[in-house]
Amino acid sequence: MGPCDDKSLLRPYKRHILVCTGPRCAPEISPEVYTKLKDKIKELGLNDGPERINRSQCHCFGVCQQGPIAVVYPEGVWYHEVTWDKMQRIVKEHLIDGHPVEEYIFHRLSNQK
């Protein structure tokens, strides 16, 4: 049995947000946004339980000129130029309330709103 064979290690979560922290994706902003997001999720009690928000960093989404980039699943919503101020709004309106922040979106994986 390999290290990825035990599915019980995967805790359920409500949403998954991926943040680009690659060297070309606004390196002066994106690491700070990613780190502060961890603290905000913990502060709001969203790091455990049925409302848990999973947070991951990615090296590159391939659209560096638009960065920092954040992508939220399961909706497949891509946000661009995500500063900490924008991320706080994304947390409140999208991650918690379930309403994507339309003016920050530049791509969707589906036609769902």
PDB file of N, CA and C in Angstrom:
ATOM      1  N   MET A   1       0.847  -1.185   0.000  1.00  0.00           N
ATOM      2  CA  MET A   1       0.000   0.000   0.000  1.00  0.00           C
ATOM      3  C   MET A   1       0.887   1.240   0.000  1.00  0.00           C
ATOM      4  N   GLY A   2       0.704   2.111  -0.972  1.00  0.00           N
ATOM      5  CA  GLY A   2       1.497   3.327  -1.093  1.00  0.00           C
ATOM      6  C   GLY A   2       0.957   4.440  -0.221  1.00  0.00           C
ATOM      7  N   PRO A   3       1.700   5.533  -0.099  1.00  0.00           N
ATOM      8  CA  PRO A   3       1.276   6.644   0.760  1.00  0.00           C
ATOM      9  C   PRO A   3      -0.014   7.321   0.309  1.00  0.00           C
ATOM     10  N   CYS A   4      -0.386   7.191  -0.943  1.00  0.00           N
ATOM     11  CA  CYS A   4      -1.612   7.826  -1.440  1.00  0.00           C
ATOM     12  C   CYS A   4      -2.786   6.858  -1.515  1.00  0.00           C
ATOM     13  N   ASP A   5      -2.593   5.631  -1.052  1.00  0.00           N
ATOM     14  CA  ASP A   5      -3.653   4.633  -1.135  1.00  0.00           C
ATOM     15  C   ASP A   5      -4.688   4.754  -0.023  1.00  0.00           C
ATOM     16  N   ASP A   6      -4.346   5.390   1.077  1.00  0.00           N
ATOM     17  CA  ASP A   6      -5.259   5.498   2.211  1.00  0.00           C
ATOM     18  C   ASP A   6      -6.112   6.754   2.067  1.00  0.00           C
ATOM     19  N   LYS A   7      -7.307   6.598   1.509  1.00  0.00           N
ATOM     20  CA  LYS A   7      -8.202   7.738   1.276  1.00  0.00           C
ATOM     21  C   LYS A   7      -8.730   8.335   2.578  1.00  0.00           C
ATOM     22  N   SER A   8      -8.599   7.612   3.688  1.00  0.00           N
ATOM     23  CA  SER A   8      -9.074   8.143   4.967  1.00  0.00           C
ATOM     24  C   SER A   8      -8.241   9.343   5.412  1.00  0.00           C
ATOM     25  N   LEU A   9      -7.073   9.530   4.812  1.00  0.00           N
ATOM     26  CA  LEU A   9      -6.244  10.684   5.153  1.00  0.00           C
ATOM     27  C   LEU A   9      -6.781  11.974   4.541  1.00  0.00           C
ATOM     28  N   LEU A  10      -7.679  11.851   3.573  1.00  0.00           N
ATOM     29  CA  LEU A  10      -8.250  13.022   2.914  1.00  0.00           C
ATOM     30  C   LEU A  10      -9.470  13.507   3.690  1.00  0.00           C
ATOM     31  N   ARG A  11      -9.295  14.585   4.423  1.00  0.00           N
ATOM     32  CA  ARG A  11     -10.420  15.141   5.167  1.00  0.00           C
ATOM     33  C   ARG A  11     -11.334  15.885   4.209  1.00  0.00           C
ATOM     34  N   PRO A  12     -12.644  15.764   4.375  1.00  0.00           N
ATOM     35  CA  PRO A  12     -13.565  16.473   3.479  1.00  0.00           C
ATOM     36  C   PRO A  12     -13.471  17.987   3.671  1.00  0.00           C
ATOM     37  N   TYR A  13     -13.786  18.702   2.620  1.00  0.00           N
ATOM     38  CA  TYR A  13     -13.794  20.157   2.678  1.00  0.00           C
ATOM     39  C   TYR A  13     -14.903  20.688   1.786  1.00  0.00           C
ATOM     40  N   LYS A  14     -15.329  21.919   2.072  1.00  0.00           N
ATOM     41  CA  LYS A  14     -16.410  22.554   1.320  1.00  0.00           C
ATOM     42  C   LYS A  14     -15.893  23.168   0.024  1.00  0.00           C
ATOM     43  N   ARG A  15     -14.770  23.854   0.115  1.00  0.00           N
ATOM     44  CA  ARG A  15     -14.166  24.482  -1.063  1.00  0.00           C
ATOM     45  C   ARG A  15     -12.652  24.345  -0.982  1.00  0.00           C
ATOM     46  N   HIS A  16     -12.033  24.422  -2.151  1.00  0.00           N
ATOM     47  CA  HIS A  16     -10.579  24.351  -2.249  1.00  0.00           C
ATOM     48  C   HIS A  16     -10.117  25.584  -3.008  1.00  0.00           C
ATOM     49  N   ILE A  17      -9.224  26.350  -2.409  1.00  0.00           N
ATOM     50  CA  ILE A  17      -8.678  27.531  -3.080  1.00  0.00           C
ATOM     51  C   ILE A  17      -7.192  27.311  -3.318  1.00  0.00           C
ATOM     52  N   LEU A  18      -6.797  27.512  -4.561  1.00  0.00           N
ATOM     53  CA  LEU A  18      -5.399  27.378  -4.957  1.00  0.00           C
ATOM     54  C   LEU A  18      -4.875  28.767  -5.297  1.00  0.00           C
ATOM     55  N   VAL A  19      -3.705  29.095  -4.771  1.00  0.00           N
ATOM     56  CA  VAL A  19      -3.111  30.412  -4.989  1.00  0.00           C
ATOM     57  C   VAL A  19      -1.742  30.229  -5.630  1.00  0.00           C
ATOM     58  N   CYS A  20      -1.501  30.937  -6.731  1.00  0.00           N
ATOM     59  CA  CYS A  20      -0.197  30.863  -7.383  1.00  0.00           C
ATOM     60  C   CYS A  20       0.811  31.663  -6.569  1.00  0.00           C
ATOM     61  N   THR A  21       1.919  31.020  -6.229  1.00  0.00           N
ATOM     62  CA  THR A  21       3.012  31.700  -5.534  1.00  0.00           C
ATOM     63  C   THR A  21       4.304  31.553  -6.332  1.00  0.00           C
ATOM     64  N   GLY A  22       4.173  31.307  -7.634  1.00  0.00           N
ATOM     65  CA  GLY A  22       5.334  31.146  -8.505  1.00  0.00           C
ATOM     66  C   GLY A  22       6.127  32.438  -8.646  1.00  0.00           C
ATOM     67  N   PRO A  23       7.373  32.334  -9.129  1.00  0.00           N
ATOM     68  CA  PRO A  23       8.266  33.491  -9.199  1.00  0.00           C
ATOM     69  C   PRO A  23       7.842  34.572 -10.191  1.00  0.00           C
ATOM     70  N   ARG A  24       6.957  34.271 -11.123  1.00  0.00           N
ATOM     71  CA  ARG A  24       6.521  35.273 -12.101  1.00  0.00           C
ATOM     72  C   ARG A  24       5.115  35.789 -11.818  1.00  0.00           C
ATOM     73  N   CYS A  25       4.478  35.285 -10.801  1.00  0.00           N
ATOM     74  CA  CYS A  25       3.088  35.644 -10.504  1.00  0.00           C
ATOM     75  C   CYS A  25       3.051  36.656  -9.356  1.00  0.00           C
ATOM     76  N   ALA A  26       3.462  37.884  -9.660  1.00  0.00           N
ATOM     77  CA  ALA A  26       3.490  38.957  -8.657  1.00  0.00           C
ATOM     78  C   ALA A  26       4.168  38.495  -7.367  1.00  0.00           C
ATOM     79  N   PRO A  27       5.476  38.155  -7.452  1.00  0.00           N
ATOM     80  CA  PRO A  27       6.176  37.594  -6.292  1.00  0.00           C
ATOM     81  C   PRO A  27       6.219  38.511  -5.076  1.00  0.00           C
ATOM     82  N   GLU A  28       5.988  39.796  -5.266  1.00  0.00           N
ATOM     83  CA  GLU A  28       5.976  40.714  -4.129  1.00  0.00           C
ATOM     84  C   GLU A  28       4.640  40.682  -3.390  1.00  0.00           C
ATOM     85  N   ILE A  29       3.622  40.053  -3.981  1.00  0.00           N
ATOM     86  CA  ILE A  29       2.283  40.021  -3.385  1.00  0.00           C
ATOM     87  C   ILE A  29       1.822  38.607  -3.038  1.00  0.00           C
ATOM     88  N   SER A  30       1.989  37.673  -3.950  1.00  0.00           N
ATOM     89  CA  SER A  30       1.340  36.361  -3.810  1.00  0.00           C
ATOM     90  C   SER A  30       1.737  35.565  -2.564  1.00  0.00           C
ATOM     91  N   PRO A  31       3.014  35.521  -2.139  1.00  0.00           N
ATOM     92  CA  PRO A  31       3.310  34.772  -0.906  1.00  0.00           C
ATOM     93  C   PRO A  31       2.598  35.350   0.317  1.00  0.00           C
ATOM     94  N   GLU A  32       2.506  36.679   0.367  1.00  0.00           N
ATOM     95  CA  GLU A  32       1.815  37.337   1.482  1.00  0.00           C
ATOM     96  C   GLU A  32       0.323  36.988   1.473  1.00  0.00           C
ATOM     97  N   VAL A  33      -0.293  37.012   0.297  1.00  0.00           N
ATOM     98  CA  VAL A  33      -1.715  36.671   0.176  1.00  0.00           C
ATOM     99  C   VAL A  33      -1.937  35.237   0.651  1.00  0.00           C
ATOM    100  N   TYR A  34      -1.076  34.324   0.221  1.00  0.00           N
ATOM    101  CA  TYR A  34      -1.206  32.915   0.598  1.00  0.00           C
ATOM    102  C   TYR A  34      -1.062  32.726   2.111  1.00  0.00           C
ATOM    103  N   THR A  35      -0.071  33.368   2.705  1.00  0.00           N
ATOM    104  CA  THR A  35       0.160  33.240   4.150  1.00  0.00           C
ATOM    105  C   THR A  35      -0.982  33.850   4.955  1.00  0.00           C
ATOM    106  N   LYS A  36      -1.424  35.038   4.570  1.00  0.00           N
ATOM    107  CA  LYS A  36      -2.529  35.684   5.289  1.00  0.00           C
ATOM    108  C   LYS A  36      -3.823  34.890   5.139  1.00  0.00           C
ATOM    109  N   LEU A  37      -3.989  34.227   3.998  1.00  0.00           N
ATOM    110  CA  LEU A  37      -5.179  33.397   3.795  1.00  0.00           C
ATOM    111  C   LEU A  37      -5.221  32.265   4.813  1.00  0.00           C
ATOM    112  N   LYS A  38      -4.093  31.656   5.085  1.00  0.00           N
ATOM    113  CA  LYS A  38      -4.029  30.596   6.099  1.00  0.00           C
ATOM    114  C   LYS A  38      -4.507  31.125   7.447  1.00  0.00           C
ATOM    115  N   ASP A  39      -3.995  32.279   7.831  1.00  0.00           N
ATOM    116  CA  ASP A  39      -4.375  32.873   9.114  1.00  0.00           C
ATOM    117  C   ASP A  39      -5.864  33.219   9.152  1.00  0.00           C
ATOM    118  N   LYS A  40      -6.392  33.744   8.048  1.00  0.00           N
ATOM    119  CA  LYS A  40      -7.810  34.128   7.984  1.00  0.00           C
ATOM    120  C   LYS A  40      -8.709  32.901   8.091  1.00  0.00           C
ATOM    121  N   ILE A  41      -8.351  31.838   7.386  1.00  0.00           N
ATOM    122  CA  ILE A  41      -9.134  30.599   7.442  1.00  0.00           C
ATOM    123  C   ILE A  41      -9.171  30.070   8.874  1.00  0.00           C
ATOM    124  N   LYS A  42      -8.028  30.091   9.541  1.00  0.00           N
ATOM    125  CA  LYS A  42      -7.966  29.626  10.929  1.00  0.00           C
ATOM    126  C   LYS A  42      -8.772  30.539  11.851  1.00  0.00           C
ATOM    127  N   GLU A  43      -8.619  31.850  11.678  1.00  0.00           N
ATOM    128  CA  GLU A  43      -9.346  32.837  12.495  1.00  0.00           C
ATOM    129  C   GLU A  43     -10.859  32.636  12.400  1.00  0.00           C
ATOM    130  N   LEU A  44     -11.341  32.301  11.212  1.00  0.00           N
ATOM    131  CA  LEU A  44     -12.774  32.106  10.987  1.00  0.00           C
ATOM    132  C   LEU A  44     -13.254  30.701  11.352  1.00  0.00           C
ATOM    133  N   GLY A  45     -12.344  29.852  11.803  1.00  0.00           N
ATOM    134  CA  GLY A  45     -12.714  28.487  12.174  1.00  0.00           C
ATOM    135  C   GLY A  45     -13.034  27.607  10.979  1.00  0.00           C
ATOM    136  N   LEU A  46     -12.478  27.954   9.818  1.00  0.00           N
ATOM    137  CA  LEU A  46     -12.765  27.206   8.590  1.00  0.00           C
ATOM    138  C   LEU A  46     -11.645  26.232   8.237  1.00  0.00           C
ATOM    139  N   ASN A  47     -10.802  25.916   9.210  1.00  0.00           N
ATOM    140  CA  ASN A  47      -9.712  24.981   8.980  1.00  0.00           C
ATOM    141  C   ASN A  47     -10.061  23.561   9.411  1.00  0.00           C
ATOM    142  N   ASP A  48     -11.305  23.350   9.840  1.00  0.00           N
ATOM    143  CA  ASP A  48     -11.746  22.023  10.261  1.00  0.00           C
ATOM    144  C   ASP A  48     -13.267  21.963  10.196  1.00  0.00           C
ATOM    145  N   GLY A  49     -13.792  20.757  10.197  1.00  0.00           N
ATOM    146  CA  GLY A  49     -15.238  20.577  10.200  1.00  0.00           C
ATOM    147  C   GLY A  49     -15.850  20.610   8.814  1.00  0.00           C
ATOM    148  N   PRO A  50     -17.181  20.574   8.748  1.00  0.00           N
ATOM    149  CA  PRO A  50     -17.874  20.468   7.457  1.00  0.00           C
ATOM    150  C   PRO A  50     -17.743  21.705   6.569  1.00  0.00           C
ATOM    151  N   GLU A  51     -17.417  22.843   7.133  1.00  0.00           N
ATOM    152  CA  GLU A  51     -17.253  24.077   6.356  1.00  0.00           C
ATOM    153  C   GLU A  51     -15.793  24.340   5.989  1.00  0.00           C
ATOM    154  N   ARG A  52     -14.950  23.344   6.209  1.00  0.00           N
ATOM    155  CA  ARG A  52     -13.499  23.508   6.017  1.00  0.00           C
ATOM    156  C   ARG A  52     -13.152  23.988   4.615  1.00  0.00           C
ATOM    157  N   ILE A  53     -12.221  24.937   4.576  1.00  0.00           N
ATOM    158  CA  ILE A  53     -11.672  25.447   3.325  1.00  0.00           C
ATOM    159  C   ILE A  53     -10.259  24.883   3.201  1.00  0.00           C
ATOM    160  N   ASN A  54     -10.006  24.167   2.114  1.00  0.00           N
ATOM    161  CA  ASN A  54      -8.671  23.640   1.850  1.00  0.00           C
ATOM    162  C   ASN A  54      -7.901  24.677   1.040  1.00  0.00           C
ATOM    163  N   ARG A  55      -6.666  24.926   1.410  1.00  0.00           N
ATOM    164  CA  ARG A  55      -5.835  25.947   0.771  1.00  0.00           C
ATOM    165  C   ARG A  55      -4.564  25.285   0.260  1.00  0.00           C
ATOM    166  N   SER A  56      -4.223  25.547  -1.001  1.00  0.00           N
ATOM    167  CA  SER A  56      -3.003  24.998  -1.596  1.00  0.00           C
ATOM    168  C   SER A  56      -2.300  26.079  -2.397  1.00  0.00           C
ATOM    169  N   GLN A  57      -0.986  25.957  -2.460  1.00  0.00           N
ATOM    170  CA  GLN A  57      -0.245  26.868  -3.327  1.00  0.00           C
ATOM    171  C   GLN A  57       0.189  26.124  -4.576  1.00  0.00           C
ATOM    172  N   CYS A  58       0.245  26.851  -5.669  1.00  0.00           N
ATOM    173  CA  CYS A  58       0.641  26.282  -6.953  1.00  0.00           C
ATOM    174  C   CYS A  58       1.803  27.095  -7.492  1.00  0.00           C
ATOM    175  N   HIS A  59       2.599  26.452  -8.315  1.00  0.00           N
ATOM    176  CA  HIS A  59       3.758  27.135  -8.882  1.00  0.00           C
ATOM    177  C   HIS A  59       3.383  28.002 -10.079  1.00  0.00           C
ATOM    178  N   CYS A  60       2.448  27.529 -10.915  1.00  0.00           N
ATOM    179  CA  CYS A  60       2.103  28.305 -12.102  1.00  0.00           C
ATOM    180  C   CYS A  60       0.774  27.842 -12.699  1.00  0.00           C
ATOM    181  N   PHE A  61      -0.078  28.800 -13.035  1.00  0.00           N
ATOM    182  CA  PHE A  61      -1.316  28.524 -13.765  1.00  0.00           C
ATOM    183  C   PHE A  61      -1.173  28.886 -15.243  1.00  0.00           C
ATOM    184  N   GLY A  62      -0.035  29.457 -15.620  1.00  0.00           N
ATOM    185  CA  GLY A  62       0.223  29.781 -17.015  1.00  0.00           C
ATOM    186  C   GLY A  62      -0.338  31.108 -17.495  1.00  0.00           C
ATOM    187  N   VAL A  63      -0.765  31.962 -16.589  1.00  0.00           N
ATOM    188  CA  VAL A  63      -1.290  33.286 -16.956  1.00  0.00           C
ATOM    189  C   VAL A  63      -0.639  34.350 -16.068  1.00  0.00           C
ATOM    190  N   CYS A  64       0.675  34.342 -16.047  1.00  0.00           N
ATOM    191  CA  CYS A  64       1.446  35.166 -15.108  1.00  0.00           C
ATOM    192  C   CYS A  64       1.146  36.660 -15.186  1.00  0.00           C
ATOM    193  N   GLN A  65       0.818  37.157 -16.344  1.00  0.00           N
ATOM    194  CA  GLN A  65       0.573  38.590 -16.481  1.00  0.00           C
ATOM    195  C   GLN A  65      -0.678  39.036 -15.732  1.00  0.00           C
ATOM    196  N   GLN A  66      -1.497  38.106 -15.303  1.00  0.00           N
ATOM    197  CA  GLN A  66      -2.744  38.418 -14.604  1.00  0.00           C
ATOM    198  C   GLN A  66      -2.626  38.226 -13.088  1.00  0.00           C
ATOM    199  N   GLY A  67      -1.461  37.815 -12.596  1.00  0.00           N
ATOM    200  CA  GLY A  67      -1.311  37.385 -11.220  1.00  0.00           C
ATOM    201  C   GLY A  67      -1.307  38.497 -10.192  1.00  0.00           C
ATOM    202  N   PRO A  68      -1.408  38.085  -8.946  1.00  0.00           N
ATOM    203  CA  PRO A  68      -1.590  36.735  -8.450  1.00  0.00           C
ATOM    204  C   PRO A  68      -2.943  36.138  -8.861  1.00  0.00           C
ATOM    205  N   ILE A  69      -2.906  34.849  -9.124  1.00  0.00           N
ATOM    206  CA  ILE A  69      -4.089  34.099  -9.536  1.00  0.00           C
ATOM    207  C   ILE A  69      -4.563  33.255  -8.360  1.00  0.00           C
ATOM    208  N   ALA A  70      -5.880  33.160  -8.192  1.00  0.00           N
ATOM    209  CA  ALA A  70      -6.481  32.241  -7.224  1.00  0.00           C
ATOM    210  C   ALA A  70      -7.615  31.513  -7.940  1.00  0.00           C
ATOM    211  N   VAL A  71      -7.721  30.217  -7.692  1.00  0.00           N
ATOM    212  CA  VAL A  71      -8.761  29.403  -8.318  1.00  0.00           C
ATOM    213  C   VAL A  71      -9.545  28.706  -7.215  1.00  0.00           C
ATOM    214  N   VAL A  72     -10.873  28.764  -7.303  1.00  0.00           N
ATOM    215  CA  VAL A  72     -11.743  28.163  -6.289  1.00  0.00           C
ATOM    216  C   VAL A  72     -12.513  26.997  -6.898  1.00  0.00           C
ATOM    217  N   TYR A  73     -12.427  25.859  -6.227  1.00  0.00           N
ATOM    218  CA  TYR A  73     -13.199  24.669  -6.593  1.00  0.00           C
ATOM    219  C   TYR A  73     -14.155  24.346  -5.466  1.00  0.00           C
ATOM    220  N   PRO A  74     -15.324  23.775  -5.748  1.00  0.00           N
ATOM    221  CA  PRO A  74     -15.643  23.003  -6.948  1.00  0.00           C
ATOM    222  C   PRO A  74     -16.152  23.834  -8.118  1.00  0.00           C
ATOM    223  N   GLU A  75     -16.328  25.127  -7.955  1.00  0.00           N
ATOM    224  CA  GLU A  75     -16.923  25.942  -9.014  1.00  0.00           C
ATOM    225  C   GLU A  75     -16.006  26.158 -10.216  1.00  0.00           C
ATOM    226  N   GLY A  76     -14.691  26.071 -10.024  1.00  0.00           N
ATOM    227  CA  GLY A  76     -13.756  26.314 -11.110  1.00  0.00           C
ATOM    228  C   GLY A  76     -13.686  27.773 -11.509  1.00  0.00           C
ATOM    229  N   VAL A  77     -13.717  28.660 -10.520  1.00  0.00           N
ATOM    230  CA  VAL A  77     -13.682  30.104 -10.758  1.00  0.00           C
ATOM    231  C   VAL A  77     -12.241  30.602 -10.604  1.00  0.00           C
ATOM    232  N   TRP A  78     -11.768  31.316 -11.622  1.00  0.00           N
ATOM    233  CA  TRP A  78     -10.415  31.875 -11.632  1.00  0.00           C
ATOM    234  C   TRP A  78     -10.484  33.376 -11.367  1.00  0.00           C
ATOM    235  N   TYR A  79      -9.731  33.812 -10.355  1.00  0.00           N
ATOM    236  CA  TYR A  79      -9.628  35.233 -10.023  1.00  0.00           C
ATOM    237  C   TYR A  79      -8.243  35.747 -10.424  1.00  0.00           C
ATOM    238  N   HIS A  80      -8.179  37.009 -10.830  1.00  0.00           N
ATOM    239  CA  HIS A  80      -6.900  37.589 -11.248  1.00  0.00           C
ATOM    240  C   HIS A  80      -6.540  38.799 -10.396  1.00  0.00           C
ATOM    241  N   GLU A  81      -5.251  39.127 -10.413  1.00  0.00           N
ATOM    242  CA  GLU A  81      -4.727  40.287  -9.680  1.00  0.00           C
ATOM    243  C   GLU A  81      -5.245  40.322  -8.243  1.00  0.00           C
ATOM    244  N   VAL A  82      -5.094  39.201  -7.553  1.00  0.00           N
ATOM    245  CA  VAL A  82      -5.661  39.040  -6.211  1.00  0.00           C
ATOM    246  C   VAL A  82      -4.724  39.630  -5.160  1.00  0.00           C
ATOM    247  N   THR A  83      -5.060  40.815  -4.708  1.00  0.00           N
ATOM    248  CA  THR A  83      -4.371  41.448  -3.583  1.00  0.00           C
ATOM    249  C   THR A  83      -4.991  40.905  -2.289  1.00  0.00           C
ATOM    250  N   TRP A  84      -4.415  41.289  -1.156  1.00  0.00           N
ATOM    251  CA  TRP A  84      -4.996  40.836   0.104  1.00  0.00           C
ATOM    252  C   TRP A  84      -6.397  41.422   0.305  1.00  0.00           C
ATOM    253  N   ASP A  85      -6.612  42.661  -0.085  1.00  0.00           N
ATOM    254  CA  ASP A  85      -7.951  43.257   0.035  1.00  0.00           C
ATOM    255  C   ASP A  85      -8.974  42.481  -0.793  1.00  0.00           C
ATOM    256  N   LYS A  86      -8.604  42.123  -2.018  1.00  0.00           N
ATOM    257  CA  LYS A  86      -9.513  41.335  -2.857  1.00  0.00           C
ATOM    258  C   LYS A  86      -9.745  39.952  -2.258  1.00  0.00           C
ATOM    259  N   MET A  87      -8.684  39.342  -1.717  1.00  0.00           N
ATOM    260  CA  MET A  87      -8.821  37.997  -1.148  1.00  0.00           C
ATOM    261  C   MET A  87      -9.786  38.006   0.028  1.00  0.00           C
ATOM    262  N   GLN A  88      -9.769  39.046   0.838  1.00  0.00           N
ATOM    263  CA  GLN A  88     -10.693  39.105   1.970  1.00  0.00           C
ATOM    264  C   GLN A  88     -12.141  39.106   1.482  1.00  0.00           C
ATOM    265  N   ARG A  89     -12.388  39.792   0.400  1.00  0.00           N
ATOM    266  CA  ARG A  89     -13.742  39.796  -0.169  1.00  0.00           C
ATOM    267  C   ARG A  89     -14.086  38.430  -0.767  1.00  0.00           C
ATOM    268  N   ILE A  90     -13.129  37.789  -1.425  1.00  0.00           N
ATOM    269  CA  ILE A  90     -13.341  36.447  -1.982  1.00  0.00           C
ATOM    270  C   ILE A  90     -13.661  35.461  -0.864  1.00  0.00           C
ATOM    271  N   VAL A  91     -12.946  35.569   0.248  1.00  0.00           N
ATOM    272  CA  VAL A  91     -13.207  34.689   1.396  1.00  0.00           C
ATOM    273  C   VAL A  91     -14.642  34.864   1.876  1.00  0.00           C
ATOM    274  N   LYS A  92     -15.041  36.095   2.112  1.00  0.00           N
ATOM    275  CA  LYS A  92     -16.382  36.365   2.655  1.00  0.00           C
ATOM    276  C   LYS A  92     -17.483  35.983   1.677  1.00  0.00           C
ATOM    277  N   GLU A  93     -17.400  36.503   0.461  1.00  0.00           N
ATOM    278  CA  GLU A  93     -18.507  36.337  -0.480  1.00  0.00           C
ATOM    279  C   GLU A  93     -18.525  34.983  -1.179  1.00  0.00           C
ATOM    280  N   HIS A  94     -17.365  34.451  -1.542  1.00  0.00           N
ATOM    281  CA  HIS A  94     -17.346  33.200  -2.291  1.00  0.00           C
ATOM    282  C   HIS A  94     -17.126  31.991  -1.389  1.00  0.00           C
ATOM    283  N   LEU A  95     -16.027  31.985  -0.648  1.00  0.00           N
ATOM    284  CA  LEU A  95     -15.716  30.802   0.150  1.00  0.00           C
ATOM    285  C   LEU A  95     -16.741  30.544   1.246  1.00  0.00           C
ATOM    286  N   ILE A  96     -17.235  31.592   1.866  1.00  0.00           N
ATOM    287  CA  ILE A  96     -18.204  31.421   2.955  1.00  0.00           C
ATOM    288  C   ILE A  96     -19.641  31.451   2.442  1.00  0.00           C
ATOM    289  N   ASP A  97     -20.002  32.511   1.713  1.00  0.00           N
ATOM    290  CA  ASP A  97     -21.397  32.692   1.288  1.00  0.00           C
ATOM    291  C   ASP A  97     -21.757  31.981  -0.013  1.00  0.00           C
ATOM    292  N   GLY A  98     -20.752  31.541  -0.771  1.00  0.00           N
ATOM    293  CA  GLY A  98     -21.022  30.794  -1.998  1.00  0.00           C
ATOM    294  C   GLY A  98     -21.334  31.628  -3.224  1.00  0.00           C
ATOM    295  N   HIS A  99     -21.045  32.940  -3.166  1.00  0.00           N
ATOM    296  CA  HIS A  99     -21.321  33.832  -4.293  1.00  0.00           C
ATOM    297  C   HIS A  99     -20.003  34.354  -4.865  1.00  0.00           C
ATOM    298  N   PRO A 100     -19.589  33.869  -6.034  1.00  0.00           N
ATOM    299  CA  PRO A 100     -18.344  34.363  -6.624  1.00  0.00           C
ATOM    300  C   PRO A 100     -18.359  35.882  -6.786  1.00  0.00           C
ATOM    301  N   VAL A 101     -17.198  36.491  -6.651  1.00  0.00           N
ATOM    302  CA  VAL A 101     -17.052  37.941  -6.777  1.00  0.00           C
ATOM    303  C   VAL A 101     -16.833  38.246  -8.263  1.00  0.00           C
ATOM    304  N   GLU A 102     -17.913  38.577  -8.939  1.00  0.00           N
ATOM    305  CA  GLU A 102     -17.935  38.679 -10.401  1.00  0.00           C
ATOM    306  C   GLU A 102     -16.874  39.611 -10.979  1.00  0.00           C
ATOM    307  N   GLU A 103     -16.648  40.770 -10.372  1.00  0.00           N
ATOM    308  CA  GLU A 103     -15.727  41.729 -10.985  1.00  0.00           C
ATOM    309  C   GLU A 103     -14.260  41.311 -10.921  1.00  0.00           C
ATOM    310  N   TYR A 104     -13.922  40.282 -10.146  1.00  0.00           N
ATOM    311  CA  TYR A 104     -12.542  39.799 -10.078  1.00  0.00           C
ATOM    312  C   TYR A 104     -12.320  38.552 -10.933  1.00  0.00           C
ATOM    313  N   ILE A 105     -13.372  38.002 -11.505  1.00  0.00           N
ATOM    314  CA  ILE A 105     -13.278  36.750 -12.265  1.00  0.00           C
ATOM    315  C   ILE A 105     -12.797  37.031 -13.684  1.00  0.00           C
ATOM    316  N   PHE A 106     -11.854  36.192 -14.155  1.00  0.00           N
ATOM    317  CA  PHE A 106     -11.485  36.298 -15.561  1.00  0.00           C
ATOM    318  C   PHE A 106     -11.671  34.986 -16.309  1.00  0.00           C
ATOM    319  N   HIS A 107     -12.035  33.914 -15.608  1.00  0.00           N
ATOM    320  CA  HIS A 107     -12.281  32.641 -16.286  1.00  0.00           C
ATOM    321  C   HIS A 107     -13.122  31.739 -15.389  1.00  0.00           C
ATOM    322  N   ARG A 108     -13.975  30.945 -16.035  1.00  0.00           N
ATOM    323  CA  ARG A 108     -14.757  29.912 -15.350  1.00  0.00           C
ATOM    324  C   ARG A 108     -14.586  28.614 -16.123  1.00  0.00           C
ATOM    325  N   LEU A 109     -14.523  27.509 -15.417  1.00  0.00           N
ATOM    326  CA  LEU A 109     -14.415  26.219 -16.086  1.00  0.00           C
ATOM    327  C   LEU A 109     -15.749  25.734 -16.611  1.00  0.00           C
ATOM    328  N   SER A 110     -16.827  26.397 -16.205  1.00  0.00           N
ATOM    329  CA  SER A 110     -18.160  26.037 -16.690  1.00  0.00           C
ATOM    330  C   SER A 110     -18.979  27.314 -16.813  1.00  0.00           C
ATOM    331  N   ASN A 111     -20.201  27.173 -17.275  1.00  0.00           N
ATOM    332  CA  ASN A 111     -21.088  28.330 -17.412  1.00  0.00           C
ATOM    333  C   ASN A 111     -21.902  28.600 -16.157  1.00  0.00           C
ATOM    334  N   GLN A 112     -21.631  27.851 -15.075  1.00  0.00           N
ATOM    335  CA  GLN A 112     -22.381  28.046 -13.836  1.00  0.00           C
ATOM    336  C   GLN A 112     -22.063  29.406 -13.241  1.00  0.00           C
ATOM    337  N   LYS A 113     -23.062  29.989 -12.597  1.00  0.00           N
ATOM    338  CA  LYS A 113     -22.843  31.253 -11.874  1.00  0.00           C
ATOM    339  C   LYS A 113     -23.079  31.032 -10.414  1.00  0.00           C
TER     340      LYS A 113
END
